[in-house]
Amino acid sequence: MSALSQAQRTKGDAYLQEGKSTLKKSTWFASSTEQKYEDAAESFTKAANAYKVGGWNDEAGAAYQRAAELYRDKLKSLNEASKCLSDAGECFKKSNPTEAVACYRSAVTLLCDAGRLNQAAKLSKEIAEIFENDGAAEEDGNGGGGNPAIVAAIASYQQAAELFEMEKANSQASSCLQKVAELSSGALDPPELLRAAEIYESLGRQCLESNLLKYNAKTHFLNGILCHLANGDSIGASQALTRFDSLDYTFADAREGKFAKQLVECVEAFDPEGLATACFEYDRISKLDPWKTSMLLKVKRSIEGSAGVGGDGEDDIDLT
């Protein structure tokens, strides 16, 4: 423990005691009572700041919570209360993710009540990221299966997207929806591939409405087709391919469009070798990310199963 850390702990303890003593004072008038609560909240905030500087994250978070309670319940200041809760969540995030989520959620409620939707959206995204990281760690530890943390992450990303959309923050909303699609299709067990396909198609259509973003539509459309194929629905994939060709006249001749068409043809022909070759050629130019690779593995397994090709599991599948 460094001298600075201990000094900040001592300073934090002093401010905390000052806040507690202030609350015990007797007052006779409404104005003096309000001033008492303001002084106590300020002391708790100073304590939290001192603890934070010293690296005492749990103590800092708890002090911010004390201040938030006064601002919310006694002083009716939603802005100050939400700020303290947000600061508390930031401190707890380093040591106590569960408590951090509770603080962030309380802050989101207050921010929504105050009409500060953009900040509420950012905190909802923060909550989603905590759950996503927790879900990834849980999956690494137990080998997958039902994962409540991933379900919670998806719900929080969805909430963040809706709040961003209300504020016309379309790029942030799209980013959150991409996470919903990615986690729904790649991290849930069983996956919600149809939901993901619909999101990717919607995102692609939105991109086409902007001259700056229209080139991103091809990636979203390819991802949507991958979801249909991974879901064992080559007809849905073929229909989607036709739709995307009509929506974006450049899609058919683009690398993504050609790759999507090859994949659909290989699935319809029950041709796992052709699919592996198409993946290898595409990967040489445009590196396949982990999500696409996981979808393609699902597609190849479905082909091999339909064609009666043997295999003991994912480790036996070589896309390249």
Protein backbone atom coordinates (compact mmCIF):
# COMPACT_ATOMS: atom_id res chain seq x y z
CA MET A 1 0.00 0.00 0.00
CA SER A 2 1.54 3.31 -1.09
CA ALA A 3 1.74 6.42 1.08
CA LEU A 4 -0.53 8.23 -1.39
CA SER A 5 -3.14 5.51 -1.22
CA GLN A 6 -3.17 5.54 2.58
CA ALA A 7 -3.29 9.34 2.67
CA GLN A 8 -6.29 9.36 0.37
CA ARG A 9 -7.96 6.72 2.51
CA THR A 10 -7.50 8.91 5.58
CA LYS A 11 -8.86 11.94 3.74
CA GLY A 12 -11.82 9.94 2.46
CA ASP A 13 -12.62 8.63 5.93
CA ALA A 14 -12.58 12.18 7.29
CA TYR A 15 -14.96 13.48 4.65
CA LEU A 16 -17.22 10.47 5.15
CA GLN A 17 -17.43 11.11 8.88
CA GLU A 18 -18.06 14.79 8.18
CA GLY A 19 -21.03 13.86 6.00
CA LYS A 20 -22.47 11.52 8.63
CA SER A 21 -22.09 14.16 11.34
CA THR A 22 -23.79 16.75 9.16
CA LEU A 23 -26.83 14.52 8.73
CA LYS A 24 -27.22 14.22 12.51
CA LYS A 25 -27.57 17.97 13.01
CA SER A 26 -30.97 19.23 14.09
CA THR A 27 -32.64 21.86 11.93
CA TRP A 28 -35.79 23.90 12.40
CA PHE A 29 -36.44 25.47 9.03
CA ALA A 30 -36.88 23.96 5.56
CA SER A 31 -34.08 26.07 4.12
CA SER A 32 -31.60 24.94 6.76
CA THR A 33 -32.69 21.31 6.35
CA GLU A 34 -32.06 21.51 2.62
CA GLN A 35 -28.67 23.10 3.24
CA LYS A 36 -27.83 20.26 5.63
CA TYR A 37 -28.52 17.66 2.95
CA GLU A 38 -26.54 19.63 0.37
CA ASP A 39 -23.55 19.88 2.72
CA ALA A 40 -23.72 16.16 3.55
CA ALA A 41 -23.96 15.18 -0.11
CA GLU A 42 -20.96 17.38 -0.88
CA SER A 43 -18.96 15.73 1.90
CA PHE A 44 -19.84 12.24 0.64
CA THR A 45 -18.81 13.26 -2.87
CA LYS A 46 -15.48 14.59 -1.60
CA ALA A 47 -14.98 11.32 0.26
CA ALA A 48 -15.70 9.35 -2.90
CA ASN A 49 -13.23 11.44 -4.91
CA ALA A 50 -10.53 10.91 -2.30
CA TYR A 51 -11.13 7.17 -2.19
CA LYS A 52 -11.07 6.97 -5.99
CA VAL A 53 -7.73 8.77 -6.23
CA GLY A 54 -6.31 6.35 -3.68
CA GLY A 55 -7.58 3.31 -5.55
CA TRP A 56 -10.21 2.37 -2.93
CA ASN A 57 -12.87 1.59 -5.49
CA ASP A 58 -15.47 -0.12 -3.29
CA GLU A 59 -15.28 2.66 -0.73
CA ALA A 60 -15.53 5.29 -3.47
CA GLY A 61 -18.55 3.60 -5.00
CA ALA A 62 -20.32 3.36 -1.65
CA ALA A 63 -19.67 7.04 -0.90
CA TYR A 64 -21.02 8.08 -4.30
CA GLN A 65 -24.12 6.01 -3.54
CA ARG A 66 -24.63 7.87 -0.24
CA ALA A 67 -24.44 11.17 -2.09
CA ALA A 68 -26.80 9.93 -4.81
CA GLU A 69 -29.41 8.90 -2.25
CA LEU A 70 -29.44 12.41 -0.77
CA TYR A 71 -29.62 14.12 -4.15
CA ARG A 72 -32.43 11.83 -5.27
CA ASP A 73 -34.54 11.39 -2.14
CA LYS A 74 -33.97 14.60 -0.18
CA LEU A 75 -32.90 17.25 -2.67
CA LYS A 76 -34.86 15.97 -5.70
CA SER A 77 -31.92 16.70 -7.99
CA LEU A 78 -32.08 14.03 -10.67
CA ASN A 79 -29.04 15.36 -12.54
CA GLU A 80 -26.74 15.24 -9.51
CA ALA A 81 -28.13 11.89 -8.40
CA SER A 82 -27.63 10.29 -11.82
CA LYS A 83 -24.09 11.66 -12.02
CA CYS A 84 -23.19 10.21 -8.61
CA LEU A 85 -24.73 6.84 -9.52
CA SER A 86 -22.82 6.82 -12.79
CA ASP A 87 -19.58 7.60 -10.94
CA ALA A 88 -20.39 4.87 -8.43
CA GLY A 89 -20.89 2.37 -11.24
CA GLU A 90 -17.56 3.35 -12.77
CA CYS A 91 -15.82 2.63 -9.46
CA PHE A 92 -17.63 -0.63 -8.78
CA LYS A 93 -17.01 -1.84 -12.33
CA LYS A 94 -13.38 -2.48 -11.45
CA SER A 95 -14.13 -4.72 -8.46
CA ASN A 96 -17.85 -5.49 -8.19
CA PRO A 97 -19.61 -5.73 -11.60
CA THR A 98 -22.95 -6.73 -10.04
CA GLU A 99 -23.06 -3.56 -7.93
CA ALA A 100 -21.89 -1.52 -10.92
CA VAL A 101 -24.84 -2.76 -12.98
CA ALA A 102 -27.25 -1.87 -10.16
CA CYS A 103 -25.87 1.69 -10.00
CA TYR A 104 -25.92 2.13 -13.77
CA ARG A 105 -29.51 0.87 -13.98
CA SER A 106 -30.64 3.31 -11.31
CA ALA A 107 -28.85 6.10 -13.19
CA VAL A 108 -30.53 5.09 -16.45
CA THR A 109 -33.95 5.35 -14.81
CA LEU A 110 -33.19 8.84 -13.49
CA LEU A 111 -31.72 10.00 -16.79
CA CYS A 112 -34.78 8.81 -18.68
CA ASP A 113 -37.02 10.60 -16.21
CA ALA A 114 -34.98 13.76 -16.80
CA GLY A 115 -35.16 13.35 -20.59
CA ARG A 116 -31.42 12.84 -20.97
CA LEU A 117 -31.79 9.86 -23.28
CA ASN A 118 -28.38 10.01 -24.95
CA GLN A 119 -26.61 9.62 -21.60
CA ALA A 120 -29.06 6.90 -20.60
CA ALA A 121 -28.24 5.08 -23.82
CA LYS A 122 -24.50 5.25 -23.14
CA LEU A 123 -24.98 3.75 -19.69
CA SER A 124 -27.24 1.02 -21.09
CA LYS A 125 -24.43 0.16 -23.49
CA GLU A 126 -22.01 0.14 -20.55
CA ILE A 127 -24.28 -2.34 -18.76
CA ALA A 128 -24.41 -4.51 -21.88
CA GLU A 129 -20.62 -4.60 -22.12
CA ILE A 130 -20.33 -5.70 -18.48
CA PHE A 131 -22.78 -8.54 -19.09
CA GLU A 132 -21.07 -9.49 -22.36
CA ASN A 133 -17.67 -9.74 -20.68
CA ASP A 134 -19.20 -11.72 -17.83
CA GLY A 135 -20.92 -14.02 -20.33
CA ALA A 136 -17.70 -14.63 -22.24
CA ALA A 137 -15.90 -15.53 -19.03
CA GLU A 138 -18.74 -17.83 -17.99
CA GLU A 139 -18.66 -19.59 -21.35
CA ASP A 140 -14.91 -20.07 -21.12
CA GLY A 141 -15.40 -21.58 -17.69
CA ASN A 142 -18.24 -24.00 -18.29
CA GLY A 143 -18.14 -24.72 -21.99
CA GLY A 144 -21.23 -22.77 -23.04
CA GLY A 145 -24.83 -23.78 -22.63
CA GLY A 146 -27.50 -21.48 -21.31
CA ASN A 147 -25.91 -18.16 -20.46
CA PRO A 148 -28.06 -15.62 -18.56
CA ALA A 149 -25.34 -12.97 -18.83
CA ILE A 150 -25.51 -13.06 -22.64
CA VAL A 151 -29.31 -12.80 -22.53
CA ALA A 152 -28.97 -9.74 -20.28
CA ALA A 153 -26.30 -8.25 -22.56
CA ILE A 154 -28.59 -8.57 -25.58
CA ALA A 155 -31.47 -6.91 -23.71
CA SER A 156 -29.24 -4.02 -22.64
CA TYR A 157 -27.80 -3.50 -26.13
CA GLN A 158 -31.38 -3.48 -27.46
CA GLN A 159 -32.39 -0.89 -24.87
CA ALA A 160 -29.36 1.24 -25.73
CA ALA A 161 -30.20 1.07 -29.43
CA GLU A 162 -33.78 2.19 -28.81
CA LEU A 163 -32.64 5.12 -26.66
CA PHE A 164 -30.05 6.18 -29.24
CA GLU A 165 -32.70 6.04 -31.95
CA MET A 166 -34.94 8.37 -29.94
CA GLU A 167 -32.09 10.88 -29.94
CA LYS A 168 -31.44 10.36 -33.68
CA ALA A 169 -27.99 9.00 -32.85
CA ASN A 170 -28.24 6.52 -35.70
CA SER A 171 -24.62 5.39 -35.87
CA GLN A 172 -24.56 4.52 -32.16
CA ALA A 173 -27.93 2.77 -32.48
CA SER A 174 -26.65 0.72 -35.41
CA SER A 175 -23.55 -0.27 -33.46
CA CYS A 176 -25.69 -1.59 -30.62
CA LEU A 177 -28.01 -3.44 -32.99
CA GLN A 178 -24.99 -5.11 -34.58
CA LYS A 179 -24.07 -6.41 -31.14
CA VAL A 180 -27.62 -7.70 -30.66
CA ALA A 181 -27.36 -9.59 -33.96
CA GLU A 182 -23.86 -10.86 -33.25
CA LEU A 183 -24.68 -12.16 -29.78
CA SER A 184 -28.10 -13.53 -30.76
CA SER A 185 -26.58 -15.59 -33.55
CA GLY A 186 -23.19 -16.48 -32.12
CA ALA A 187 -23.41 -16.57 -28.32
CA LEU A 188 -26.93 -17.74 -27.47
CA ASP A 189 -27.65 -21.44 -27.12
CA PRO A 190 -29.79 -22.11 -29.05
CA PRO A 191 -29.02 -19.18 -31.35
CA GLU A 192 -31.70 -16.79 -32.62
CA LEU A 193 -30.51 -16.77 -36.21
CA LEU A 194 -33.71 -15.47 -37.77
CA ARG A 195 -33.72 -12.46 -35.44
CA ALA A 196 -30.11 -11.74 -36.37
CA ALA A 197 -30.87 -12.07 -40.10
CA GLU A 198 -33.70 -9.55 -39.80
CA ILE A 199 -31.46 -7.10 -37.95
CA TYR A 200 -28.69 -7.36 -40.53
CA GLU A 201 -31.15 -6.80 -43.36
CA SER A 202 -32.59 -3.76 -41.59
CA LEU A 203 -29.10 -2.35 -41.02
CA GLY A 204 -28.24 -2.89 -44.67
CA ARG A 205 -31.37 -1.05 -45.80
CA GLN A 206 -30.53 1.85 -43.49
CA CYS A 207 -27.02 2.09 -44.92
CA LEU A 208 -28.40 2.41 -48.44
CA GLU A 209 -30.22 5.57 -47.37
CA SER A 210 -26.89 7.33 -46.71
CA ASN A 211 -24.25 8.15 -49.31
CA LEU A 212 -21.59 7.86 -46.62
CA LEU A 213 -22.71 4.46 -45.37
CA LYS A 214 -24.10 2.75 -48.46
CA TYR A 215 -20.94 0.71 -49.01
CA ASN A 216 -21.41 -0.89 -45.59
CA ALA A 217 -24.71 -2.38 -46.74
CA LYS A 218 -22.92 -5.23 -48.52
CA THR A 219 -21.39 -6.53 -45.30
CA HIS A 220 -24.73 -6.46 -43.49
CA PHE A 221 -26.46 -8.25 -46.39
CA LEU A 222 -23.77 -10.95 -46.46
CA ASN A 223 -24.16 -11.43 -42.70
CA GLY A 224 -27.91 -11.76 -43.10
CA ILE A 225 -27.49 -14.50 -45.71
CA LEU A 226 -25.00 -16.29 -43.49
CA CYS A 227 -27.61 -16.33 -40.71
CA HIS A 228 -30.22 -17.88 -43.01
CA LEU A 229 -27.76 -20.54 -44.17
CA ALA A 230 -26.57 -21.29 -40.63
CA ASN A 231 -30.25 -21.70 -39.73
CA GLY A 232 -30.53 -24.44 -42.38
CA ASP A 233 -32.75 -22.29 -44.59
CA SER A 234 -31.26 -22.18 -48.07
CA ILE A 235 -34.61 -21.02 -49.50
CA GLY A 236 -34.68 -18.04 -47.15
CA ALA A 237 -31.06 -17.30 -48.06
CA SER A 238 -31.83 -17.46 -51.78
CA GLN A 239 -34.82 -15.16 -51.38
CA ALA A 240 -32.73 -12.74 -49.35
CA LEU A 241 -30.05 -12.79 -52.05
CA THR A 242 -32.65 -11.83 -54.66
CA ARG A 243 -33.94 -9.01 -52.43
CA PHE A 244 -30.48 -7.62 -51.81
CA ASP A 245 -29.62 -7.71 -55.52
CA SER A 246 -32.71 -5.59 -56.21
CA LEU A 247 -32.05 -3.19 -53.32
CA ASP A 248 -28.35 -2.63 -54.11
CA TYR A 249 -27.48 -2.87 -57.79
CA THR A 250 -23.76 -3.15 -56.89
CA PHE A 251 -24.21 -6.13 -54.56
CA ALA A 252 -24.22 -8.89 -57.20
CA ASP A 253 -20.84 -7.85 -58.60
CA ALA A 254 -19.25 -7.07 -55.24
CA ARG A 255 -17.00 -9.55 -53.46
CA GLU A 256 -19.63 -9.99 -50.73
CA GLY A 257 -22.41 -10.63 -53.23
CA LYS A 258 -20.41 -13.15 -55.23
CA PHE A 259 -19.39 -14.95 -52.04
CA ALA A 260 -22.99 -15.06 -50.83
CA LYS A 261 -24.14 -16.52 -54.14
CA GLN A 262 -21.43 -19.19 -54.04
CA LEU A 263 -22.43 -20.17 -50.51
CA VAL A 264 -26.11 -20.51 -51.43
CA GLU A 265 -25.24 -22.62 -54.50
CA CYS A 266 -22.96 -24.90 -52.44
CA VAL A 267 -25.63 -25.44 -49.79
CA GLU A 268 -28.28 -26.18 -52.40
CA ALA A 269 -25.90 -28.68 -54.05
CA PHE A 270 -24.82 -30.23 -50.70
CA ASP A 271 -21.23 -29.44 -51.66
CA PRO A 272 -19.06 -28.99 -48.52
CA GLU A 273 -15.83 -29.06 -50.54
CA GLY A 274 -17.07 -26.27 -52.80
CA LEU A 275 -18.07 -24.25 -49.74
CA ALA A 276 -14.60 -24.73 -48.20
CA THR A 277 -12.99 -23.59 -51.44
CA ALA A 278 -15.21 -20.50 -51.63
CA CYS A 279 -14.33 -19.63 -48.03
CA PHE A 280 -10.63 -20.09 -48.71
CA GLU A 281 -10.72 -17.82 -51.76
CA TYR A 282 -12.72 -15.14 -49.94
CA ASP A 283 -10.45 -15.30 -46.88
CA ARG A 284 -7.38 -14.69 -49.04
CA ILE A 285 -8.66 -11.19 -49.87
CA SER A 286 -11.07 -10.35 -47.06
CA LYS A 287 -10.09 -12.01 -43.79
CA LEU A 288 -12.98 -13.92 -42.23
CA ASP A 289 -13.67 -12.65 -38.72
CA PRO A 290 -14.50 -15.04 -35.85
CA TRP A 291 -18.25 -14.45 -36.15
CA LYS A 292 -18.34 -15.27 -39.89
CA THR A 293 -16.16 -18.30 -39.28
CA SER A 294 -18.55 -19.61 -36.62
CA MET A 295 -21.53 -19.13 -38.95
CA LEU A 296 -19.74 -20.88 -41.82
CA LEU A 297 -18.89 -23.81 -39.56
CA LYS A 298 -22.59 -24.18 -38.80
CA VAL A 299 -23.35 -24.06 -42.51
CA LYS A 300 -20.77 -26.69 -43.37
CA ARG A 301 -21.94 -29.01 -40.61
CA SER A 302 -25.51 -28.78 -41.92
CA ILE A 303 -24.33 -29.68 -45.44
CA GLU A 304 -22.27 -32.62 -44.23
CA GLY A 305 -25.15 -33.86 -42.11
CA SER A 306 -27.60 -33.65 -45.02
CA ALA A 307 -25.15 -35.31 -47.36
CA GLY A 308 -24.32 -38.08 -44.90
CA VAL A 309 -20.70 -37.04 -44.52
CA GLY A 310 -19.16 -38.16 -41.23
CA GLY A 311 -17.57 -35.91 -38.65
CA ASP A 312 -17.05 -35.88 -34.91
CA GLY A 313 -17.48 -32.19 -34.25
CA GLU A 314 -16.31 -28.69 -34.88
CA ASP A 315 -12.63 -29.61 -34.60
CA ASP A 316 -13.00 -31.85 -37.68
CA ILE A 317 -14.29 -29.03 -39.84
CA ASP A 318 -11.72 -27.19 -41.90
CA LEU A 319 -13.11 -24.28 -43.87
CA THR A 320 -9.87 -23.73 -45.67
